[in-house]
All heavy atoms as atom14 arrays in JSON, in Angstrom:
{
  "sequence": "LGQRLALMKIVQAKDSAAALRERIRAFLASQNQPELSGIHV",
  "atom14_mask": [
    [1, 1, 1, 1, 1, 1, 1, 1, 0, 0, 0, 0, 0, 0],
    [1, 1, 1, 1, 0, 0, 0, 0, 0, 0, 0, 0, 0, 0],
    [1, 1, 1, 1, 1, 1, 1, 1, 1, 0, 0, 0, 0, 0],
    [1, 1, 1, 1, 1, 1, 1, 1, 1, 1, 1, 0, 0, 0],
    [1, 1, 1, 1, 1, 1, 1, 1, 0, 0, 0, 0, 0, 0],
    [1, 1, 1, 1, 1, 0, 0, 0, 0, 0, 0, 0, 0, 0],
    [1, 1, 1, 1, 1, 1, 1, 1, 0, 0, 0, 0, 0, 0],
    [1, 1, 1, 1, 1, 1, 1, 1, 0, 0, 0, 0, 0, 0],
    [1, 1, 1, 1, 1, 1, 1, 1, 1, 0, 0, 0, 0, 0],
    [1, 1, 1, 1, 1, 1, 1, 1, 0, 0, 0, 0, 0, 0],
    [1, 1, 1, 1, 1, 1, 1, 0, 0, 0, 0, 0, 0, 0],
    [1, 1, 1, 1, 1, 1, 1, 1, 1, 0, 0, 0, 0, 0],
    [1, 1, 1, 1, 1, 0, 0, 0, 0, 0, 0, 0, 0, 0],
    [1, 1, 1, 1, 1, 1, 1, 1, 1, 0, 0, 0, 0, 0],
    [1, 1, 1, 1, 1, 1, 1, 1, 0, 0, 0, 0, 0, 0],
    [1, 1, 1, 1, 1, 1, 0, 0, 0, 0, 0, 0, 0, 0],
    [1, 1, 1, 1, 1, 0, 0, 0, 0, 0, 0, 0, 0, 0],
    [1, 1, 1, 1, 1, 0, 0, 0, 0, 0, 0, 0, 0, 0],
    [1, 1, 1, 1, 1, 0, 0, 0, 0, 0, 0, 0, 0, 0],
    [1, 1, 1, 1, 1, 1, 1, 1, 0, 0, 0, 0, 0, 0],
    [1, 1, 1, 1, 1, 1, 1, 1, 1, 1, 1, 0, 0, 0],
    [1, 1, 1, 1, 1, 1, 1, 1, 1, 0, 0, 0, 0, 0],
    [1, 1, 1, 1, 1, 1, 1, 1, 1, 1, 1, 0, 0, 0],
    [1, 1, 1, 1, 1, 1, 1, 1, 0, 0, 0, 0, 0, 0],
    [1, 1, 1, 1, 1, 1, 1, 1, 1, 1, 1, 0, 0, 0],
    [1, 1, 1, 1, 1, 0, 0, 0, 0, 0, 0, 0, 0, 0],
    [1, 1, 1, 1, 1, 1, 1, 1, 1, 1, 1, 0, 0, 0],
    [1, 1, 1, 1, 1, 1, 1, 1, 0, 0, 0, 0, 0, 0],
    [1, 1, 1, 1, 1, 0, 0, 0, 0, 0, 0, 0, 0, 0],
    [1, 1, 1, 1, 1, 1, 0, 0, 0, 0, 0, 0, 0, 0],
    [1, 1, 1, 1, 1, 1, 1, 1, 1, 0, 0, 0, 0, 0],
    [1, 1, 1, 1, 1, 1, 1, 1, 0, 0, 0, 0, 0, 0],
    [1, 1, 1, 1, 1, 1, 1, 1, 1, 0, 0, 0, 0, 0],
    [1, 1, 1, 1, 1, 1, 1, 0, 0, 0, 0, 0, 0, 0],
    [1, 1, 1, 1, 1, 1, 1, 1, 1, 0, 0, 0, 0, 0],
    [1, 1, 1, 1, 1, 1, 1, 1, 0, 0, 0, 0, 0, 0],
    [1, 1, 1, 1, 1, 1, 0, 0, 0, 0, 0, 0, 0, 0],
    [1, 1, 1, 1, 0, 0, 0, 0, 0, 0, 0, 0, 0, 0],
    [1, 1, 1, 1, 1, 1, 1, 1, 0, 0, 0, 0, 0, 0],
    [1, 1, 1, 1, 1, 1, 1, 1, 1, 1, 0, 0, 0, 0],
    [1, 1, 1, 1, 1, 1, 1, 0, 0, 0, 0, 0, 0, 0]
  ],
  "atom14_positions": [
    [[-128.8, -14.53, 116.13], [-127.87, -13.57, 116.86], [-128.71, -13.2, 117.99], [-129.52, -12.28, 117.97], [-127.59, -12.35, 115.85], [-126.73, -11.32, 116.66], [-125.37, -11.91, 116.99], [-126.49, -10.16, 115.6], [0.0, 0.0, 0.0], [0.0, 0.0, 0.0], [0.0, 0.0, 0.0], [0.0, 0.0, 0.0], [0.0, 0.0, 0.0], [0.0, 0.0, 0.0]],
    [[-128.27, -13.66, 119.25], [-128.99, -13.25, 120.46], [-130.42, -13.63, 120.33], [-130.83, -14.72, 119.99], [0.0, 0.0, 0.0], [0.0, 0.0, 0.0], [0.0, 0.0, 0.0], [0.0, 0.0, 0.0], [0.0, 0.0, 0.0], [0.0, 0.0, 0.0], [0.0, 0.0, 0.0], [0.0, 0.0, 0.0], [0.0, 0.0, 0.0], [0.0, 0.0, 0.0]],
    [[-131.29, -12.64, 120.57], [-132.77, -12.84, 120.57], [-133.39, -12.63, 119.15], [-134.55, -12.67, 119.02], [-133.49, -12.0, 121.57], [-133.01, -12.23, 122.97], [-133.09, -13.7, 123.38], [-132.07, -14.3, 123.59], [-134.3, -14.25, 123.39], [0.0, 0.0, 0.0], [0.0, 0.0, 0.0], [0.0, 0.0, 0.0], [0.0, 0.0, 0.0], [0.0, 0.0, 0.0]],
    [[-132.47, -12.42, 118.16], [-132.92, -12.27, 116.8], [-132.61, -13.55, 116.06], [-131.51, -14.05, 116.18], [-132.25, -11.04, 116.14], [-132.57, -9.61, 116.65], [-131.89, -8.63, 115.75], [-132.25, -7.29, 116.14], [-131.49, -6.59, 117.0], [-130.32, -7.1, 117.52], [-131.83, -5.28, 117.28], [0.0, 0.0, 0.0], [0.0, 0.0, 0.0], [0.0, 0.0, 0.0]],
    [[-133.56, -13.92, 115.25], [-133.4, -15.06, 114.34], [-133.97, -14.66, 113.02], [-135.1, -14.76, 112.69], [-134.08, -16.43, 114.92], [-134.03, -17.7, 114.07], [-132.54, -17.97, 113.8], [-134.77, -18.76, 114.79], [0.0, 0.0, 0.0], [0.0, 0.0, 0.0], [0.0, 0.0, 0.0], [0.0, 0.0, 0.0], [0.0, 0.0, 0.0], [0.0, 0.0, 0.0]],
    [[-132.98, -14.2, 112.16], [-133.32, -13.83, 110.79], [-133.29, -15.04, 109.86], [-132.46, -15.86, 109.97], [-132.35, -12.74, 110.25], [0.0, 0.0, 0.0], [0.0, 0.0, 0.0], [0.0, 0.0, 0.0], [0.0, 0.0, 0.0], [0.0, 0.0, 0.0], [0.0, 0.0, 0.0], [0.0, 0.0, 0.0], [0.0, 0.0, 0.0], [0.0, 0.0, 0.0]],
    [[-134.4, -15.23, 109.09], [-134.57, -16.33, 108.21], [-134.43, -15.75, 106.7], [-135.36, -15.0, 106.24], [-135.84, -16.96, 108.32], [-136.04, -17.51, 109.78], [-137.44, -18.11, 109.79], [-135.01, -18.61, 110.15], [0.0, 0.0, 0.0], [0.0, 0.0, 0.0], [0.0, 0.0, 0.0], [0.0, 0.0, 0.0], [0.0, 0.0, 0.0], [0.0, 0.0, 0.0]],
    [[-133.22, -16.02, 106.07], [-133.04, -15.53, 104.62], [-133.72, -16.47, 103.65], [-133.53, -17.7, 103.6], [-131.63, -15.42, 104.33], [-130.79, -14.59, 105.39], [-131.22, -12.92, 105.51], [-130.13, -12.36, 106.84], [0.0, 0.0, 0.0], [0.0, 0.0, 0.0], [0.0, 0.0, 0.0], [0.0, 0.0, 0.0], [0.0, 0.0, 0.0], [0.0, 0.0, 0.0]],
    [[-134.53, -15.88, 102.77], [-135.05, -16.57, 101.63], [-134.48, -15.98, 100.32], [-134.72, -14.73, 100.09], [-136.62, -16.45, 101.56], [-137.3, -16.83, 100.39], [-137.19, -18.37, 100.04], [-138.17, -19.16, 101.04], [-138.18, -20.6, 100.66], [0.0, 0.0, 0.0], [0.0, 0.0, 0.0], [0.0, 0.0, 0.0], [0.0, 0.0, 0.0], [0.0, 0.0, 0.0]],
    [[-133.8, -16.7, 99.6], [-133.1, -16.18, 98.37], [-134.29, -16.05, 97.28], [-134.97, -17.02, 97.07], [-131.97, -16.97, 97.84], [-130.83, -16.95, 98.75], [-131.54, -16.51, 96.37], [-129.65, -17.75, 98.39], [0.0, 0.0, 0.0], [0.0, 0.0, 0.0], [0.0, 0.0, 0.0], [0.0, 0.0, 0.0], [0.0, 0.0, 0.0], [0.0, 0.0, 0.0]],
    [[-134.49, -14.9, 96.75], [-135.39, -14.5, 95.76], [-134.7, -14.11, 94.47], [-133.96, -13.12, 94.48], [-136.34, -13.43, 96.23], [-137.41, -13.16, 95.18], [-137.11, -13.82, 97.55], [0.0, 0.0, 0.0], [0.0, 0.0, 0.0], [0.0, 0.0, 0.0], [0.0, 0.0, 0.0], [0.0, 0.0, 0.0], [0.0, 0.0, 0.0], [0.0, 0.0, 0.0]],
    [[-134.86, -14.99, 93.55], [-134.1, -14.73, 92.25], [-134.99, -13.95, 91.21], [-135.96, -14.38, 90.85], [-133.71, -16.1, 91.58], [-132.89, -15.95, 90.26], [-131.54, -15.34, 90.53], [-130.79, -15.73, 91.36], [-131.36, -14.19, 89.78], [0.0, 0.0, 0.0], [0.0, 0.0, 0.0], [0.0, 0.0, 0.0], [0.0, 0.0, 0.0], [0.0, 0.0, 0.0]],
    [[-134.45, -12.69, 90.88], [-135.07, -11.93, 89.93], [-134.6, -12.1, 88.58], [-133.74, -12.82, 88.29], [-134.83, -10.49, 90.29], [0.0, 0.0, 0.0], [0.0, 0.0, 0.0], [0.0, 0.0, 0.0], [0.0, 0.0, 0.0], [0.0, 0.0, 0.0], [0.0, 0.0, 0.0], [0.0, 0.0, 0.0], [0.0, 0.0, 0.0], [0.0, 0.0, 0.0]],
    [[-135.5, -11.72, 87.65], [-135.27, -11.88, 86.25], [-134.41, -10.86, 85.6], [-133.84, -11.02, 84.58], [-136.65, -12.09, 85.54], [-137.45, -13.15, 85.91], [-138.8, -13.25, 85.25], [-139.69, -14.45, 85.7], [-140.95, -14.46, 85.0], [0.0, 0.0, 0.0], [0.0, 0.0, 0.0], [0.0, 0.0, 0.0], [0.0, 0.0, 0.0], [0.0, 0.0, 0.0]],
    [[-134.4, -9.71, 86.22], [-133.68, -8.49, 85.55], [-132.38, -8.23, 86.27], [-132.11, -8.83, 87.31], [-134.55, -7.16, 85.77], [-135.82, -7.17, 84.93], [-135.8, -7.87, 83.91], [-136.76, -6.31, 85.26], [0.0, 0.0, 0.0], [0.0, 0.0, 0.0], [0.0, 0.0, 0.0], [0.0, 0.0, 0.0], [0.0, 0.0, 0.0], [0.0, 0.0, 0.0]],
    [[-131.52, -7.46, 85.51], [-130.27, -7.1, 86.11], [-130.41, -6.13, 87.32], [-131.46, -5.64, 87.57], [-129.41, -6.39, 85.0], [-130.03, -5.07, 84.8], [0.0, 0.0, 0.0], [0.0, 0.0, 0.0], [0.0, 0.0, 0.0], [0.0, 0.0, 0.0], [0.0, 0.0, 0.0], [0.0, 0.0, 0.0], [0.0, 0.0, 0.0], [0.0, 0.0, 0.0]],
    [[-129.29, -6.11, 88.04], [-129.26, -5.21, 89.18], [-129.63, -3.68, 88.82], [-130.39, -3.03, 89.53], [-127.99, -5.31, 90.05], [0.0, 0.0, 0.0], [0.0, 0.0, 0.0], [0.0, 0.0, 0.0], [0.0, 0.0, 0.0], [0.0, 0.0, 0.0], [0.0, 0.0, 0.0], [0.0, 0.0, 0.0], [0.0, 0.0, 0.0], [0.0, 0.0, 0.0]],
    [[-129.04, -3.23, 87.79], [-129.27, -1.91, 87.33], [-130.71, -1.61, 86.99], [-131.28, -0.62, 87.34], [-128.35, -1.49, 86.13], [0.0, 0.0, 0.0], [0.0, 0.0, 0.0], [0.0, 0.0, 0.0], [0.0, 0.0, 0.0], [0.0, 0.0, 0.0], [0.0, 0.0, 0.0], [0.0, 0.0, 0.0], [0.0, 0.0, 0.0], [0.0, 0.0, 0.0]],
    [[-131.31, -2.6, 86.25], [-132.7, -2.43, 85.74], [-133.63, -2.53, 87.01], [-134.54, -1.72, 87.17], [-133.04, -3.59, 84.92], [0.0, 0.0, 0.0], [0.0, 0.0, 0.0], [0.0, 0.0, 0.0], [0.0, 0.0, 0.0], [0.0, 0.0, 0.0], [0.0, 0.0, 0.0], [0.0, 0.0, 0.0], [0.0, 0.0, 0.0], [0.0, 0.0, 0.0]],
    [[-133.33, -3.43, 87.99], [-134.18, -3.51, 89.21], [-134.04, -2.25, 90.06], [-134.99, -1.72, 90.5], [-133.73, -4.75, 90.1], [-134.01, -6.11, 89.46], [-133.28, -7.22, 90.23], [-135.58, -6.34, 89.47], [0.0, 0.0, 0.0], [0.0, 0.0, 0.0], [0.0, 0.0, 0.0], [0.0, 0.0, 0.0], [0.0, 0.0, 0.0], [0.0, 0.0, 0.0]],
    [[-132.86, -1.76, 90.24], [-132.66, -0.49, 91.02], [-133.45, 0.64, 90.36], [-134.08, 1.39, 91.16], [-131.16, -0.21, 91.0], [-130.79, 0.98, 91.96], [-129.27, 1.11, 92.1], [-128.97, 2.33, 92.85], [-128.59, 3.47, 92.43], [-128.71, 3.73, 91.1], [-128.35, 4.5, 93.23], [0.0, 0.0, 0.0], [0.0, 0.0, 0.0], [0.0, 0.0, 0.0]],
    [[-133.39, 0.83, 89.15], [-134.12, 1.88, 88.57], [-135.68, 1.7, 88.68], [-136.3, 2.7, 88.94], [-133.77, 2.03, 87.09], [-132.35, 2.5, 86.86], [-132.15, 3.89, 87.56], [-132.87, 4.8, 87.48], [-131.07, 3.91, 88.31], [0.0, 0.0, 0.0], [0.0, 0.0, 0.0], [0.0, 0.0, 0.0], [0.0, 0.0, 0.0], [0.0, 0.0, 0.0]],
    [[-136.09, 0.49, 88.47], [-137.55, 0.2, 88.65], [-138.03, 0.6, 90.16], [-139.05, 1.15, 90.33], [-137.85, -1.13, 88.34], [-137.91, -1.53, 86.86], [-138.34, -2.88, 86.57], [-139.67, -3.26, 87.15], [-140.2, -4.37, 87.14], [-139.42, -5.43, 86.78], [-141.39, -4.64, 87.74], [0.0, 0.0, 0.0], [0.0, 0.0, 0.0], [0.0, 0.0, 0.0]],
    [[-137.17, 0.02, 91.1], [-137.47, 0.26, 92.44], [-137.5, 1.81, 92.86], [-138.35, 2.33, 93.59], [-136.65, -0.61, 93.47], [-136.93, -2.02, 93.04], [-136.99, -0.35, 94.86], [-135.89, -2.95, 93.83], [0.0, 0.0, 0.0], [0.0, 0.0, 0.0], [0.0, 0.0, 0.0], [0.0, 0.0, 0.0], [0.0, 0.0, 0.0], [0.0, 0.0, 0.0]],
    [[-136.42, 2.44, 92.36], [-136.37, 3.94, 92.63], [-137.54, 4.67, 92.11], [-138.01, 5.64, 92.62], [-135.01, 4.39, 92.06], [-133.87, 3.9, 92.83], [-132.46, 4.51, 92.16], [-132.45, 5.99, 92.32], [-131.48, 6.76, 91.86], [-130.56, 6.19, 91.11], [-131.53, 8.02, 92.04], [0.0, 0.0, 0.0], [0.0, 0.0, 0.0], [0.0, 0.0, 0.0]],
    [[-137.95, 4.25, 90.93], [-139.11, 4.99, 90.29], [-140.37, 4.72, 91.17], [-141.17, 5.6, 91.39], [-139.4, 4.52, 88.93], [0.0, 0.0, 0.0], [0.0, 0.0, 0.0], [0.0, 0.0, 0.0], [0.0, 0.0, 0.0], [0.0, 0.0, 0.0], [0.0, 0.0, 0.0], [0.0, 0.0, 0.0], [0.0, 0.0, 0.0], [0.0, 0.0, 0.0]],
    [[-140.51, 3.45, 91.64], [-141.69, 3.11, 92.49], [-141.61, 3.96, 93.77], [-142.62, 4.5, 94.24], [-141.66, 1.65, 92.88], [-142.61, 1.28, 93.95], [-144.02, 1.18, 93.75], [-142.13, 1.02, 95.25], [-144.86, 0.88, 94.67], [-143.04, 0.65, 96.26], [-144.35, 0.53, 95.94], [0.0, 0.0, 0.0], [0.0, 0.0, 0.0], [0.0, 0.0, 0.0]],
    [[-140.46, 4.04, 94.44], [-140.2, 4.83, 95.74], [-140.59, 6.25, 95.46], [-141.33, 6.91, 96.25], [-138.79, 4.7, 96.25], [-138.46, 3.31, 96.67], [-136.94, 3.26, 97.08], [-139.35, 2.7, 97.69], [0.0, 0.0, 0.0], [0.0, 0.0, 0.0], [0.0, 0.0, 0.0], [0.0, 0.0, 0.0], [0.0, 0.0, 0.0], [0.0, 0.0, 0.0]],
    [[-140.26, 6.83, 94.3], [-140.51, 8.18, 93.98], [-141.95, 8.56, 93.84], [-142.43, 9.61, 94.01], [-139.72, 8.64, 92.77], [0.0, 0.0, 0.0], [0.0, 0.0, 0.0], [0.0, 0.0, 0.0], [0.0, 0.0, 0.0], [0.0, 0.0, 0.0], [0.0, 0.0, 0.0], [0.0, 0.0, 0.0], [0.0, 0.0, 0.0], [0.0, 0.0, 0.0]],
    [[-142.75, 7.49, 93.44], [-144.17, 7.68, 93.26], [-144.92, 7.59, 94.55], [-146.18, 7.92, 94.58], [-144.63, 6.66, 92.32], [-144.79, 5.39, 92.97], [0.0, 0.0, 0.0], [0.0, 0.0, 0.0], [0.0, 0.0, 0.0], [0.0, 0.0, 0.0], [0.0, 0.0, 0.0], [0.0, 0.0, 0.0], [0.0, 0.0, 0.0], [0.0, 0.0, 0.0]],
    [[-144.24, 7.23, 95.74], [-145.04, 7.03, 96.97], [-144.89, 8.26, 97.89], [-143.93, 9.04, 97.78], [-144.41, 5.92, 97.83], [-144.36, 4.64, 97.16], [-145.72, 4.06, 96.68], [-146.38, 3.78, 97.64], [-145.97, 3.94, 95.41], [0.0, 0.0, 0.0], [0.0, 0.0, 0.0], [0.0, 0.0, 0.0], [0.0, 0.0, 0.0], [0.0, 0.0, 0.0]],
    [[-146.01, 8.57, 98.68], [-145.96, 9.82, 99.5], [-144.95, 9.56, 100.63], [-144.23, 10.56, 100.97], [-147.39, 9.99, 100.09], [-148.44, 10.45, 98.98], [-148.0, 11.15, 98.14], [-149.67, 10.11, 99.13], [0.0, 0.0, 0.0], [0.0, 0.0, 0.0], [0.0, 0.0, 0.0], [0.0, 0.0, 0.0], [0.0, 0.0, 0.0], [0.0, 0.0, 0.0]],
    [[-144.95, 8.35, 101.16], [-144.0, 8.16, 102.38], [-143.58, 6.61, 102.26], [-143.91, 5.81, 102.98], [-144.7, 8.42, 103.63], [-143.66, 8.44, 104.84], [-144.33, 8.91, 106.12], [-145.2, 8.1, 106.57], [-143.82, 9.93, 106.62], [0.0, 0.0, 0.0], [0.0, 0.0, 0.0], [0.0, 0.0, 0.0], [0.0, 0.0, 0.0], [0.0, 0.0, 0.0]],
    [[-142.58, 6.4, 101.27], [-142.15, 5.01, 101.11], [-141.32, 4.55, 102.27], [-140.77, 5.35, 103.1], [-141.26, 5.17, 99.87], [-140.72, 6.5, 99.91], [-141.93, 7.36, 100.34], [0.0, 0.0, 0.0], [0.0, 0.0, 0.0], [0.0, 0.0, 0.0], [0.0, 0.0, 0.0], [0.0, 0.0, 0.0], [0.0, 0.0, 0.0], [0.0, 0.0, 0.0]],
    [[-141.43, 3.24, 102.55], [-140.67, 2.66, 103.67], [-139.21, 2.78, 103.57], [-138.41, 2.91, 104.47], [-141.07, 1.2, 103.94], [-140.5, 0.61, 105.19], [-141.18, -0.68, 105.52], [-142.15, -1.17, 104.93], [-140.72, -1.28, 106.59], [0.0, 0.0, 0.0], [0.0, 0.0, 0.0], [0.0, 0.0, 0.0], [0.0, 0.0, 0.0], [0.0, 0.0, 0.0]],
    [[-138.68, 2.62, 102.19], [-137.41, 2.79, 101.93], [-136.96, 4.16, 101.34], [-137.76, 4.82, 100.65], [-137.01, 1.81, 100.8], [-137.36, 0.36, 101.24], [-136.92, -0.61, 99.99], [-136.69, -0.1, 102.47], [0.0, 0.0, 0.0], [0.0, 0.0, 0.0], [0.0, 0.0, 0.0], [0.0, 0.0, 0.0], [0.0, 0.0, 0.0], [0.0, 0.0, 0.0]],
    [[-135.72, 4.66, 101.74], [-135.3, 5.98, 101.24], [-134.4, 5.67, 99.98], [-133.93, 6.69, 99.33], [-134.56, 6.74, 102.22], [-133.45, 6.06, 102.71], [0.0, 0.0, 0.0], [0.0, 0.0, 0.0], [0.0, 0.0, 0.0], [0.0, 0.0, 0.0], [0.0, 0.0, 0.0], [0.0, 0.0, 0.0], [0.0, 0.0, 0.0], [0.0, 0.0, 0.0]],
    [[-133.96, 4.45, 99.72], [-133.04, 4.22, 98.6], [-132.76, 2.73, 98.56], [-133.25, 1.88, 99.32], [0.0, 0.0, 0.0], [0.0, 0.0, 0.0], [0.0, 0.0, 0.0], [0.0, 0.0, 0.0], [0.0, 0.0, 0.0], [0.0, 0.0, 0.0], [0.0, 0.0, 0.0], [0.0, 0.0, 0.0], [0.0, 0.0, 0.0], [0.0, 0.0, 0.0]],
    [[-131.99, 2.35, 97.49], [-131.57, 0.9, 97.25], [-130.06, 0.87, 97.2], [-129.41, 1.72, 96.47], [-132.24, 0.45, 95.85], [-133.7, 0.43, 95.97], [-131.65, -0.94, 95.5], [-134.28, -0.59, 97.05], [0.0, 0.0, 0.0], [0.0, 0.0, 0.0], [0.0, 0.0, 0.0], [0.0, 0.0, 0.0], [0.0, 0.0, 0.0], [0.0, 0.0, 0.0]],
    [[-129.54, -0.14, 97.86], [-128.07, -0.36, 97.88], [-127.7, -1.67, 97.16], [-128.42, -2.79, 97.63], [-127.61, -0.41, 99.38], [-126.1, -0.62, 99.48], [-125.16, 0.48, 99.08], [-125.41, -1.65, 99.88], [-123.99, -0.04, 99.32], [-124.05, -1.28, 99.83], [0.0, 0.0, 0.0], [0.0, 0.0, 0.0], [0.0, 0.0, 0.0], [0.0, 0.0, 0.0]],
    [[-126.95, -1.7, 96.16], [-126.58, -2.87, 95.44], [-125.21, -3.43, 95.97], [-124.22, -2.67, 96.16], [-126.42, -2.48, 93.97], [-125.97, -3.77, 93.1], [-127.68, -2.04, 93.37], [0.0, 0.0, 0.0], [0.0, 0.0, 0.0], [0.0, 0.0, 0.0], [0.0, 0.0, 0.0], [0.0, 0.0, 0.0], [0.0, 0.0, 0.0], [0.0, 0.0, 0.0]]
  ]
}
C-alpha cells in the first residue's frame, strides 16, 4: 500500500482465543508501560 509493504506471517497458536486473550491481558497488566493497551479478537 503506497510506501508501506506489510508482510503477514500466519502464526498458529495452540490455545483458544479466549485463553490467549486472558494470558496476554495478564502479561500486559504486569508491565510498567506495555506497548499494547489491549487485545482485540
